[in-house]
Amino acid sequence: MNYHLHENGWAIIVEDHDLRTATKEDIKQISDLAKSNTLVVFNNQDLTIHDEMKIVGLFGNIVPEYPEGSEELRNEGADLVNDPTGILTRVTGALNEHGQPGTAGYVDAMEWHNNQPHRKTYNGIQRSPLVWLYGVKGTVGSRTTYTNSILGYKDLDQATKDQIKDLKGIYFSYAEFQENNAGGLATAEDEPSQPVVIKHTSGETGIYLSYFQLDRFEGMTREESMAIAKPLHEHLTQDKYCYHHDWQNGDAVIGDQWFGIHKRWPFAKITERLLHRSVFGYVD
């Protein structure tokens, strides 16, 4: 498998590899690249739903959006692809046969976020560190930006590292990804708080912070928490820690969800744009 580093120095761009032919050995290499660099990008793929399910299945450790038999799945599963397993979901403003859009089906930006930040486990399964997005159609002109918090942590001054080293974040179980998101939203009180400074399975240290989904830090008021979280978020989303993906149909992006957040920028043609999404774990 041939690949190179993006000009930002850390994102992996895979060259001329057809994911339809991916073997277990290829998937292990992709998993290792995502583990070391937090982001792996493929261009010019031509995948069917069956192809995507095969690729995701080779990773394993999959967390379906709606577990089999769940009430959400019985109630139309509005953002599901035509896939009864719940492995693939629709990211789009287009309406399905029930008149429902998929995930993030609105023109405005889907602000900085990651998947289920309030959970260490999800539906009884360890929270998956990787998210897959595949551009099916109508993606040209849209942009998603990803961050690398391992690099962001390395550049922090020692005083800030000392300030945040013991902090634990408590996250909303649901948020609209806007800065003033404190009104009437429940937090997941039954879930453990999440350390801000964490160790990657690669051995690197990074920052786990999804600012727009954060309620507060453990033992602090929201006001006290935001005074620390906002400048930290601004530091982590500096351009030097970002990879900007300008979508083309057939692109596939795999991003780590412990050591990065991402943002979909405003896109006027959201009803024409369709991505497929899945979450899963690293290959052991």
Protein backbone atom coordinates (compact mmCIF):
# COMPACT_ATOMS: atom_id res chain seq x y z
CA MET A 1 0.00 0.00 0.00
CA ASN A 2 1.51 3.32 -1.08
CA TYR A 3 0.84 6.47 0.93
CA HIS A 4 2.34 9.85 1.75
CA LEU A 5 1.98 12.52 4.40
CA HIS A 6 -0.25 15.46 3.66
CA GLU A 7 1.50 18.83 3.55
CA ASN A 8 0.39 19.39 7.17
CA GLY A 9 2.92 16.71 8.11
CA TRP A 10 0.63 14.21 9.81
CA ALA A 11 -2.48 13.14 7.88
CA ILE A 12 -2.01 9.94 5.84
CA ILE A 13 -3.05 10.06 2.15
CA VAL A 14 -3.23 6.59 0.61
CA GLU A 15 -2.37 6.43 -3.08
CA ASP A 16 -4.04 4.22 -5.68
CA HIS A 17 -5.41 1.56 -3.35
CA ASP A 18 -8.75 -0.05 -4.16
CA LEU A 19 -10.49 -0.76 -0.86
CA ARG A 20 -12.68 -3.35 -2.57
CA THR A 21 -9.62 -5.62 -2.70
CA ALA A 22 -8.54 -4.94 0.90
CA THR A 23 -7.25 -7.96 2.80
CA LYS A 24 -7.02 -8.46 6.55
CA GLU A 25 -3.36 -7.49 6.28
CA ASP A 26 -4.29 -4.26 4.46
CA ILE A 27 -6.87 -3.41 7.11
CA LYS A 28 -4.32 -4.03 9.87
CA GLN A 29 -1.91 -1.62 8.14
CA ILE A 30 -4.66 1.00 7.79
CA SER A 31 -5.54 0.54 11.46
CA ASP A 32 -1.91 1.03 12.45
CA LEU A 33 -1.65 4.19 10.33
CA ALA A 34 -4.79 5.61 11.95
CA LYS A 35 -3.36 4.74 15.36
CA SER A 36 -0.06 6.53 14.72
CA ASN A 37 -1.38 9.51 12.72
CA THR A 38 -5.08 9.78 13.76
CA LEU A 39 -6.35 10.18 10.15
CA VAL A 40 -6.22 8.11 6.94
CA VAL A 41 -7.67 9.37 3.64
CA PHE A 42 -8.54 7.39 0.49
CA ASN A 43 -9.55 8.94 -2.83
CA ASN A 44 -11.22 7.60 -5.97
CA GLN A 45 -13.08 4.67 -4.42
CA ASP A 46 -16.17 3.14 -6.02
CA LEU A 47 -17.88 1.27 -3.21
CA THR A 48 -21.25 -0.37 -2.95
CA ILE A 49 -23.01 -0.76 0.39
CA HIS A 50 -21.89 -4.39 0.31
CA ASP A 51 -18.26 -3.25 -0.20
CA GLU A 52 -18.48 -0.84 2.73
CA MET A 53 -19.92 -3.47 5.03
CA LYS A 54 -17.13 -5.87 4.06
CA ILE A 55 -14.43 -3.25 4.78
CA VAL A 56 -15.96 -2.19 8.08
CA GLY A 57 -16.41 -5.84 8.99
CA LEU A 58 -12.69 -6.49 8.51
CA PHE A 59 -11.96 -3.91 11.21
CA GLY A 60 -14.39 -5.57 13.60
CA ASN A 61 -15.32 -4.12 17.00
CA ILE A 62 -18.30 -2.43 15.33
CA VAL A 63 -20.86 -0.45 17.30
CA PRO A 64 -24.15 -0.34 15.35
CA GLU A 65 -25.97 2.98 15.51
CA TYR A 66 -29.09 1.10 16.58
CA PRO A 67 -28.58 -2.28 18.25
CA GLU A 68 -30.69 -5.11 16.85
CA GLY A 69 -34.16 -5.03 18.35
CA SER A 70 -33.81 -1.50 19.76
CA GLU A 71 -36.79 0.85 19.83
CA GLU A 72 -34.95 3.36 17.62
CA LEU A 73 -34.47 0.72 14.94
CA ARG A 74 -38.12 -0.31 15.14
CA ASN A 75 -39.20 3.34 14.82
CA GLU A 76 -38.03 3.75 11.24
CA GLY A 77 -34.29 4.24 11.94
CA ALA A 78 -34.40 7.47 9.97
CA ASP A 79 -30.67 7.81 9.38
CA LEU A 80 -29.99 4.17 8.51
CA VAL A 81 -28.72 3.11 5.13
CA ASN A 82 -30.70 0.23 3.66
CA ASP A 83 -28.86 -2.03 6.07
CA PRO A 84 -30.82 -3.87 8.77
CA THR A 85 -27.68 -4.44 10.86
CA GLY A 86 -27.41 -0.72 11.72
CA ILE A 87 -23.71 -0.66 10.75
CA LEU A 88 -24.01 2.14 8.15
CA THR A 89 -25.91 5.40 8.60
CA ARG A 90 -26.83 8.24 6.24
CA VAL A 91 -25.23 11.67 6.63
CA THR A 92 -27.42 13.88 4.46
CA GLY A 93 -30.26 16.36 4.24
CA ALA A 94 -32.07 14.18 1.72
CA LEU A 95 -35.32 12.66 2.97
CA ASN A 96 -35.87 8.93 3.11
CA GLU A 97 -39.13 7.11 2.37
CA HIS A 98 -40.45 8.21 5.77
CA GLY A 99 -39.74 11.88 5.02
CA GLN A 100 -36.77 12.01 7.40
CA PRO A 101 -33.26 13.43 6.78
CA GLY A 102 -30.14 11.62 7.89
CA THR A 103 -27.59 12.75 10.45
CA ALA A 104 -26.55 16.44 10.25
CA GLY A 105 -29.07 17.10 7.51
CA TYR A 106 -28.94 20.89 7.78
CA VAL A 107 -27.18 23.63 5.81
CA ASP A 108 -25.42 25.31 8.75
CA ALA A 109 -22.12 24.01 10.09
CA MET A 110 -22.06 20.92 12.25
CA GLU A 111 -19.71 22.43 14.78
CA TRP A 112 -16.67 20.73 16.27
CA HIS A 113 -17.67 17.37 17.74
CA ASN A 114 -16.85 13.72 18.08
CA ASN A 115 -18.90 10.59 18.51
CA GLN A 116 -20.65 10.11 21.88
CA PRO A 117 -18.02 12.00 23.94
CA HIS A 118 -19.85 11.33 27.22
CA ARG A 119 -19.39 7.57 26.96
CA LYS A 120 -16.59 5.14 27.66
CA THR A 121 -18.97 2.45 26.49
CA TYR A 122 -21.90 2.62 24.09
CA ASN A 123 -24.77 0.13 24.19
CA GLY A 124 -22.65 -2.05 26.44
CA ILE A 125 -19.70 -2.06 24.03
CA GLN A 126 -16.44 -0.15 24.42
CA ARG A 127 -16.78 3.24 22.73
CA SER A 128 -15.30 2.90 19.26
CA PRO A 129 -12.25 5.06 18.53
CA LEU A 130 -12.63 5.23 14.73
CA VAL A 131 -15.26 6.83 12.52
CA TRP A 132 -15.62 6.01 8.81
CA LEU A 133 -17.10 8.50 6.34
CA TYR A 134 -17.57 7.61 2.67
CA GLY A 135 -18.67 10.18 0.08
CA VAL A 136 -21.43 8.59 -2.00
CA LYS A 137 -22.73 11.52 -4.06
CA GLY A 138 -23.23 15.29 -4.11
CA THR A 139 -20.18 15.92 -1.92
CA VAL A 140 -18.21 18.28 -4.17
CA GLY A 141 -17.87 21.72 -2.58
CA SER A 142 -18.33 20.46 0.99
CA ARG A 143 -15.56 20.43 3.58
CA THR A 144 -14.87 18.53 6.79
CA THR A 145 -11.97 19.54 9.04
CA TYR A 146 -10.22 17.15 11.43
CA THR A 147 -7.86 17.93 14.31
CA ASN A 148 -4.89 16.12 15.87
CA SER A 149 -4.80 16.69 19.63
CA ILE A 150 -1.56 14.74 20.10
CA LEU A 151 0.30 17.49 18.27
CA GLY A 152 -1.73 20.13 20.11
CA TYR A 153 -0.78 18.69 23.48
CA LYS A 154 2.93 18.58 22.62
CA ASP A 155 2.93 22.33 21.94
CA LEU A 156 1.23 23.36 25.19
CA ASP A 157 3.32 25.28 27.71
CA GLN A 158 4.06 23.48 30.94
CA ALA A 159 1.78 25.72 33.00
CA THR A 160 -1.23 24.71 30.88
CA LYS A 161 -0.25 21.04 31.00
CA ASP A 162 -0.14 21.28 34.79
CA GLN A 163 -3.50 23.09 34.85
CA ILE A 164 -5.33 20.40 32.85
CA LYS A 165 -3.51 17.22 33.89
CA ASP A 166 -6.15 16.12 36.43
CA LEU A 167 -9.26 17.59 34.80
CA LYS A 168 -12.18 15.37 33.85
CA GLY A 169 -14.92 16.46 31.46
CA ILE A 170 -18.62 15.81 31.90
CA TYR A 171 -20.40 15.91 28.55
CA PHE A 172 -23.93 16.44 27.36
CA SER A 173 -25.63 13.27 26.17
CA TYR A 174 -27.14 15.44 23.44
CA ALA A 175 -26.09 18.82 22.08
CA GLU A 176 -26.74 21.05 19.09
CA PHE A 177 -23.02 21.81 18.72
CA GLN A 178 -23.41 25.50 19.44
CA GLU A 179 -21.47 27.55 21.97
CA ASN A 180 -24.47 28.48 24.13
CA ASN A 181 -25.62 24.91 24.57
CA ALA A 182 -26.44 24.90 28.30
CA GLY A 183 -30.20 25.38 28.08
CA GLY A 184 -32.23 22.38 29.18
CA LEU A 185 -29.92 19.67 27.87
CA ALA A 186 -29.46 16.62 30.04
CA THR A 187 -26.00 15.37 30.92
CA ALA A 188 -25.22 11.70 31.16
CA GLU A 189 -25.00 11.54 34.95
CA ASP A 190 -24.77 7.76 34.90
CA GLU A 191 -21.61 7.85 32.78
CA PRO A 192 -18.10 8.32 34.16
CA SER A 193 -16.38 11.62 33.51
CA GLN A 194 -13.64 11.60 30.89
CA PRO A 195 -10.01 12.63 31.59
CA VAL A 196 -8.85 15.57 29.49
CA VAL A 197 -5.29 14.29 29.19
CA ILE A 198 -5.20 10.71 27.92
CA LYS A 199 -2.74 8.17 26.60
CA HIS A 200 -3.16 6.87 23.07
CA THR A 201 -2.75 3.16 22.41
CA SER A 202 0.29 4.22 20.37
CA GLY A 203 1.87 5.50 23.60
CA GLU A 204 1.44 9.17 22.70
CA THR A 205 -0.36 11.64 24.98
CA GLY A 206 -3.20 13.77 23.68
CA ILE A 207 -6.19 15.85 24.74
CA TYR A 208 -9.76 14.60 24.86
CA LEU A 209 -11.94 17.69 24.58
CA SER A 210 -15.11 18.28 22.59
CA TYR A 211 -15.80 21.87 23.58
CA PHE A 212 -19.29 22.31 22.11
CA GLN A 213 -20.46 19.10 23.78
CA LEU A 214 -18.87 19.84 27.17
CA ASP A 215 -21.10 20.61 30.15
CA ARG A 216 -18.36 21.27 32.70
CA PHE A 217 -15.26 19.83 34.34
CA GLU A 218 -15.74 17.62 37.35
CA GLY A 219 -15.76 19.65 40.60
CA MET A 220 -16.06 22.99 38.78
CA THR A 221 -18.89 25.28 37.74
CA ARG A 222 -19.70 25.64 34.06
CA GLU A 223 -18.33 29.21 34.08
CA GLU A 224 -15.04 28.09 35.63
CA SER A 225 -14.86 25.19 33.19
CA MET A 226 -15.45 27.29 30.08
CA ALA A 227 -12.72 29.71 31.14
CA ILE A 228 -10.27 26.83 30.74
CA ALA A 229 -11.97 24.89 27.94
CA LYS A 230 -12.47 27.74 25.47
CA PRO A 231 -8.79 28.80 25.12
CA LEU A 232 -7.79 25.12 25.06
CA HIS A 233 -10.29 24.46 22.26
CA GLU A 234 -9.01 27.50 20.34
CA HIS A 235 -5.46 26.19 20.70
CA LEU A 236 -6.38 22.71 19.45
CA THR A 237 -8.27 24.00 16.39
CA GLN A 238 -5.41 26.14 15.08
CA ASP A 239 -4.78 25.46 11.41
CA LYS A 240 -1.45 23.71 12.06
CA TYR A 241 -3.31 20.95 13.91
CA CYS A 242 -6.01 20.65 11.23
CA TYR A 243 -6.56 18.66 8.08
CA HIS A 244 -9.17 20.17 5.74
CA HIS A 245 -10.88 17.57 3.58
CA ASP A 246 -12.55 19.01 0.48
CA TRP A 247 -14.79 16.18 -0.54
CA GLN A 248 -14.99 14.42 -3.87
CA ASN A 249 -17.41 11.59 -4.50
CA GLY A 250 -15.63 8.32 -3.76
CA ASP A 251 -13.50 9.65 -0.89
CA ALA A 252 -13.23 7.61 2.31
CA VAL A 253 -11.85 9.08 5.54
CA ILE A 254 -11.06 7.19 8.74
CA GLY A 255 -10.49 9.38 11.81
CA ASP A 256 -9.64 8.72 15.47
CA GLN A 257 -12.36 9.93 17.87
CA TRP A 258 -10.33 10.03 21.08
CA PHE A 259 -7.53 12.25 19.77
CA GLY A 260 -9.39 14.51 17.41
CA ILE A 261 -12.65 16.30 16.74
CA HIS A 262 -14.11 17.29 13.39
CA LYS A 263 -16.38 19.91 11.86
CA ARG A 264 -18.55 19.90 8.76
CA TRP A 265 -18.64 23.43 7.36
CA PRO A 266 -21.84 25.06 6.01
CA PHE A 267 -23.03 23.52 2.74
CA ALA A 268 -25.98 24.86 0.77
CA LYS A 269 -26.61 21.67 -1.21
CA ILE A 270 -26.97 19.42 1.85
CA THR A 271 -30.01 17.65 0.38
CA GLU A 272 -27.86 16.50 -2.56
CA ARG A 273 -24.92 15.40 -0.39
CA LEU A 274 -24.82 11.81 0.87
CA LEU A 275 -22.14 10.23 3.02
CA HIS A 276 -22.19 6.89 4.76
CA ARG A 277 -20.88 6.63 8.29
CA SER A 278 -19.82 3.85 10.63
CA VAL A 279 -17.88 3.56 13.90
CA PHE A 280 -15.54 0.73 14.87
CA GLY A 281 -12.34 -0.18 16.68
CA TYR A 282 -8.70 -0.69 15.88
CA VAL A 283 -7.54 -4.07 14.68
CA ASP A 284 -5.80 -5.91 17.52
